[in-house]
Amino acid sequence: MRQALLGNQLTHETITWFFEAFEFSTEDMREVWDAFSGCSAVDLLGSGVSFSLRTPPVALVRPQGHRTTALFSRYYISGCRALKRIDTSHVLMALQDGLEVFAYSPRDTVTSVEAVVGGKFSGFRPSSPGYVGVELQLDRKLSKYEHSSLQYATCHRPVPDLCVHVRRAARNRIDNVDMRVIFEAVVPRRAWWCVWDDYSGAEPVQKIRVEVSPEGELHQFIPYLEQAVVGFQWEW
């Protein structure tokens, strides 16, 4: 915190400490985030989405030793209107020598994880309530700044409620984020591209109307995502 007070360094974590120490109001916090990011922190029409989180992110399964320079996520919604599968492709860049494990925390509806390219599933780990930790062993150790691709698929069990949204969360910066939702039989009546201010909040803090394609898909690309949660929400 001393570096922040001297004006030498200011981070998302440091700002959060100030909020907690001085009991900022919600409106004041939004203004600080806007100033920190240099524009509206929740700007769907800007060059990316950053610093929209107002609550702490889900705890890491293990320290993150990589940066994602490209991310492609494909969400498959079954004819029963349930999330069936997510196919994910990462381009990873190691931030340290000897990187050999990739870990993340999906929703605890996951039933299985299948590595397709670049690694193998090594097991589930404890995570925050409502989530489960997943670890994948990379095919090879990466040296610092070395890149590698990783593709995997997660299958999900049906839940009592119909699926009405999918989300992508980012703790650290992710570049070149491409999200696509594929409806296999029934398409929603209305849909929106959204930003949420926490990992589990029910209502978006901002949304814009989008159209389902003739092929029954929703699609969005953003250049970067950082300390934010974005995705699609729809009505059946």
Protein backbone atom coordinates (compact mmCIF):
# COMPACT_ATOMS: atom_id res chain seq x y z
CA MET A 1 0.00 0.00 0.00
CA ARG A 2 2.98 2.31 0.58
CA GLN A 3 3.78 2.25 -3.18
CA ALA A 4 0.19 3.25 -3.99
CA LEU A 5 0.25 6.18 -1.56
CA LEU A 6 3.52 7.39 -3.08
CA GLY A 7 1.97 7.16 -6.55
CA ASN A 8 4.47 4.56 -7.74
CA GLN A 9 2.17 1.59 -8.14
CA LEU A 10 -1.58 1.02 -8.08
CA THR A 11 -3.18 -2.39 -8.65
CA HIS A 12 -6.64 -3.93 -8.55
CA GLU A 13 -5.71 -5.59 -5.25
CA THR A 14 -4.52 -2.30 -3.72
CA ILE A 15 -7.73 -0.52 -4.70
CA THR A 16 -9.73 -3.32 -3.11
CA TRP A 17 -7.78 -2.82 0.13
CA PHE A 18 -8.75 0.86 0.11
CA PHE A 19 -12.41 -0.02 -0.42
CA GLU A 20 -12.35 -2.38 2.55
CA ALA A 21 -10.41 -0.04 4.82
CA PHE A 22 -12.48 3.10 4.18
CA GLU A 23 -15.92 1.55 3.48
CA PHE A 24 -16.50 3.12 0.05
CA SER A 25 -20.09 3.26 -1.19
CA THR A 26 -21.05 1.31 -4.31
CA GLU A 27 -21.29 4.48 -6.37
CA ASP A 28 -17.89 5.70 -5.19
CA MET A 29 -16.34 2.35 -6.05
CA ARG A 30 -17.73 2.52 -9.59
CA GLU A 31 -16.18 5.97 -10.08
CA VAL A 32 -12.81 4.74 -8.83
CA TRP A 33 -12.86 1.75 -11.19
CA ASP A 34 -13.77 4.03 -14.10
CA ALA A 35 -10.85 6.33 -13.31
CA PHE A 36 -8.46 3.43 -12.81
CA SER A 37 -9.27 1.79 -16.15
CA GLY A 38 -9.26 5.08 -18.06
CA CYS A 39 -12.83 4.64 -19.31
CA SER A 40 -16.07 3.11 -18.19
CA ALA A 41 -15.22 -0.15 -16.45
CA VAL A 42 -18.38 -1.68 -17.89
CA ASP A 43 -18.27 -0.60 -21.52
CA LEU A 44 -19.61 -3.23 -23.91
CA LEU A 45 -18.99 -1.03 -26.94
CA GLY A 46 -15.34 -0.32 -26.09
CA SER A 47 -12.21 -2.23 -27.04
CA GLY A 48 -12.59 -4.76 -24.25
CA VAL A 49 -14.09 -5.34 -20.80
CA SER A 50 -11.99 -4.80 -17.68
CA PHE A 51 -12.23 -4.24 -13.94
CA SER A 52 -15.96 -4.77 -13.62
CA LEU A 53 -15.66 -7.08 -10.59
CA ARG A 54 -16.96 -5.63 -7.32
CA THR A 55 -16.39 -8.81 -5.30
CA PRO A 56 -13.31 -11.04 -5.00
CA PRO A 57 -12.83 -13.59 -7.80
CA VAL A 58 -13.10 -17.32 -7.16
CA ALA A 59 -9.99 -18.59 -5.37
CA LEU A 60 -7.25 -20.06 -7.53
CA VAL A 61 -6.73 -23.83 -7.48
CA ARG A 62 -2.99 -23.11 -7.73
CA PRO A 63 -0.90 -20.00 -8.52
CA GLN A 64 -1.40 -18.97 -12.13
CA GLY A 65 1.85 -19.26 -14.03
CA HIS A 66 0.55 -18.43 -17.50
CA ARG A 67 -1.20 -15.80 -19.55
CA THR A 68 -3.89 -16.62 -22.12
CA THR A 69 -3.23 -14.84 -25.41
CA ALA A 70 -6.23 -16.34 -27.24
CA LEU A 71 -9.35 -18.10 -25.99
CA PHE A 72 -12.15 -19.81 -27.91
CA SER A 73 -15.17 -21.15 -25.97
CA ARG A 74 -18.07 -23.08 -27.49
CA TYR A 75 -21.13 -23.72 -25.31
CA TYR A 76 -23.59 -26.38 -26.43
CA ILE A 77 -27.21 -26.11 -25.19
CA SER A 78 -29.25 -29.30 -25.57
CA GLY A 79 -32.83 -29.68 -26.76
CA CYS A 80 -33.76 -29.99 -23.07
CA ARG A 81 -32.51 -26.39 -22.66
CA ALA A 82 -29.60 -27.49 -20.46
CA LEU A 83 -25.86 -26.80 -20.73
CA LYS A 84 -24.49 -29.98 -22.28
CA ARG A 85 -20.83 -29.35 -23.09
CA ILE A 86 -18.20 -26.63 -23.31
CA ASP A 87 -15.32 -26.91 -25.80
CA THR A 88 -12.41 -24.63 -24.93
CA SER A 89 -9.17 -23.77 -26.74
CA HIS A 90 -6.40 -21.70 -25.14
CA VAL A 91 -3.16 -20.29 -26.44
CA LEU A 92 -0.99 -20.13 -23.33
CA MET A 93 2.18 -18.16 -22.67
CA ALA A 94 4.28 -19.25 -19.69
CA LEU A 95 5.16 -16.49 -17.21
CA GLN A 96 7.80 -18.61 -15.51
CA ASP A 97 10.16 -21.44 -16.35
CA GLY A 98 8.92 -24.98 -15.87
CA LEU A 99 5.18 -24.42 -16.33
CA GLU A 100 3.58 -27.86 -16.61
CA VAL A 101 0.07 -27.60 -15.10
CA PHE A 102 -2.99 -25.61 -16.17
CA ALA A 103 -5.75 -25.19 -13.56
CA TYR A 104 -9.16 -23.54 -13.55
CA SER A 105 -12.44 -23.61 -11.60
CA PRO A 106 -15.62 -24.33 -13.58
CA ARG A 107 -19.09 -24.72 -12.07
CA ASP A 108 -19.56 -27.87 -10.03
CA THR A 109 -22.03 -29.24 -12.60
CA VAL A 110 -19.01 -30.66 -14.46
CA THR A 111 -19.13 -34.45 -14.75
CA SER A 112 -16.05 -35.09 -16.89
CA VAL A 113 -13.12 -33.31 -18.52
CA GLU A 114 -11.49 -34.56 -21.73
CA ALA A 115 -8.19 -33.10 -22.90
CA VAL A 116 -8.08 -33.01 -26.70
CA VAL A 117 -4.74 -31.34 -27.56
CA GLY A 118 -1.80 -30.17 -25.49
CA GLY A 119 -2.29 -32.03 -22.22
CA LYS A 120 -4.22 -34.58 -20.21
CA PHE A 121 -6.77 -34.36 -17.40
CA SER A 122 -5.08 -35.05 -14.06
CA GLY A 123 -7.98 -34.72 -11.62
CA PHE A 124 -10.48 -32.62 -9.72
CA ARG A 125 -9.41 -30.43 -6.79
CA PRO A 126 -11.27 -28.55 -4.01
CA SER A 127 -12.41 -25.04 -4.92
CA SER A 128 -14.87 -22.36 -3.80
CA PRO A 129 -18.49 -23.35 -3.02
CA GLY A 130 -20.40 -23.93 -6.26
CA TYR A 131 -17.19 -24.58 -8.20
CA VAL A 132 -14.73 -27.43 -8.65
CA GLY A 133 -11.01 -27.25 -9.34
CA VAL A 134 -9.69 -28.89 -12.53
CA GLU A 135 -6.05 -29.57 -13.35
CA LEU A 136 -4.58 -30.54 -16.71
CA GLN A 137 -1.01 -31.73 -17.09
CA LEU A 138 0.59 -30.10 -20.12
CA ASP A 139 2.27 -32.35 -22.69
CA ARG A 140 5.59 -30.60 -22.06
CA LYS A 141 7.15 -28.13 -19.66
CA LEU A 142 7.15 -24.58 -20.94
CA SER A 143 9.99 -22.13 -20.54
CA LYS A 144 9.25 -18.51 -19.66
CA TYR A 145 7.47 -16.71 -22.55
CA GLU A 146 7.06 -19.97 -24.48
CA HIS A 147 3.65 -20.55 -26.08
CA SER A 148 1.54 -23.69 -26.31
CA SER A 149 -2.02 -24.60 -27.28
CA LEU A 150 -4.43 -26.49 -25.05
CA GLN A 151 -7.86 -27.82 -26.00
CA TYR A 152 -10.30 -29.59 -23.72
CA ALA A 153 -14.01 -30.37 -23.37
CA THR A 154 -16.14 -30.40 -20.22
CA CYS A 155 -19.44 -32.25 -19.96
CA HIS A 156 -22.11 -31.00 -17.56
CA ARG A 157 -24.99 -32.69 -15.77
CA PRO A 158 -28.50 -31.22 -16.16
CA VAL A 159 -29.83 -29.10 -13.29
CA PRO A 160 -33.47 -28.50 -12.29
CA ASP A 161 -33.56 -24.96 -13.72
CA LEU A 162 -33.33 -24.27 -17.44
CA CYS A 163 -30.03 -22.85 -18.66
CA VAL A 164 -30.53 -19.12 -19.29
CA HIS A 165 -26.95 -17.84 -19.38
CA VAL A 166 -23.30 -18.75 -19.93
CA ARG A 167 -20.36 -16.78 -18.57
CA ARG A 168 -16.64 -16.35 -18.99
CA ALA A 169 -14.68 -14.96 -16.05
CA ALA A 170 -11.16 -13.56 -16.14
CA ARG A 171 -8.99 -12.87 -13.11
CA ASN A 172 -5.90 -11.81 -15.07
CA ARG A 173 -5.89 -10.42 -18.58
CA ILE A 174 -7.04 -12.69 -21.42
CA ASP A 175 -6.51 -11.48 -24.99
CA ASN A 176 -8.63 -12.32 -28.05
CA VAL A 177 -11.72 -13.80 -26.40
CA ASP A 178 -14.20 -15.53 -28.71
CA MET A 179 -17.46 -16.93 -27.27
CA ARG A 180 -20.08 -18.88 -29.18
CA VAL A 181 -23.31 -20.53 -27.92
CA ILE A 182 -24.77 -23.31 -30.06
CA PHE A 183 -28.44 -24.17 -29.50
CA GLU A 184 -28.94 -27.73 -30.71
CA ALA A 185 -32.74 -27.76 -31.09
CA VAL A 186 -34.61 -24.86 -29.46
CA VAL A 187 -33.50 -21.23 -29.76
CA PRO A 188 -34.32 -18.47 -27.24
CA ARG A 189 -36.88 -15.74 -27.91
CA ARG A 190 -34.52 -12.94 -26.83
CA ALA A 191 -30.84 -12.73 -25.92
CA TRP A 192 -28.28 -10.24 -24.58
CA TRP A 193 -24.50 -9.87 -24.36
CA CYS A 194 -23.80 -9.03 -20.71
CA VAL A 195 -21.33 -7.95 -18.03
CA TRP A 196 -21.68 -9.10 -14.42
CA ASP A 197 -19.93 -7.59 -11.40
CA ASP A 198 -19.27 -10.91 -9.67
CA TYR A 199 -18.94 -14.58 -10.55
CA SER A 200 -22.40 -15.59 -9.34
CA GLY A 201 -24.60 -12.45 -9.49
CA ALA A 202 -28.02 -13.12 -10.95
CA GLU A 203 -28.55 -9.83 -12.82
CA PRO A 204 -26.06 -8.25 -15.24
CA VAL A 205 -24.80 -4.75 -14.51
CA GLN A 206 -25.01 -3.97 -18.21
CA LYS A 207 -26.36 -5.74 -21.28
CA ILE A 208 -27.05 -5.14 -24.95
CA ARG A 209 -29.56 -6.96 -27.14
CA VAL A 210 -28.13 -9.46 -29.62
CA GLU A 211 -29.75 -11.68 -32.23
CA VAL A 212 -29.56 -15.44 -32.58
CA SER A 213 -28.09 -16.30 -35.99
CA PRO A 214 -30.06 -18.27 -38.61
CA GLU A 215 -27.86 -21.23 -37.64
CA GLY A 216 -29.10 -21.01 -34.05
CA GLU A 217 -25.98 -19.46 -32.51
CA LEU A 218 -24.88 -16.49 -30.42
CA HIS A 219 -21.39 -15.13 -31.04
CA GLN A 220 -19.20 -12.37 -29.60
CA PHE A 221 -15.51 -11.48 -29.90
CA ILE A 222 -13.70 -9.00 -27.64
CA PRO A 223 -10.01 -8.05 -27.81
CA TYR A 224 -9.41 -8.52 -24.09
CA LEU A 225 -11.00 -9.40 -20.77
CA GLU A 226 -9.54 -8.65 -17.32
CA GLN A 227 -10.97 -8.78 -13.79
CA ALA A 228 -14.42 -9.16 -15.33
CA VAL A 229 -17.24 -11.58 -16.09
CA VAL A 230 -18.99 -11.51 -19.49
CA GLY A 231 -21.33 -13.78 -21.37
CA PHE A 232 -24.79 -14.27 -22.82
CA GLN A 233 -28.18 -14.26 -21.15
CA TRP A 234 -31.44 -15.25 -22.81
CA GLU A 235 -35.14 -15.93 -22.38
CA TRP A 236 -36.88 -19.04 -23.71
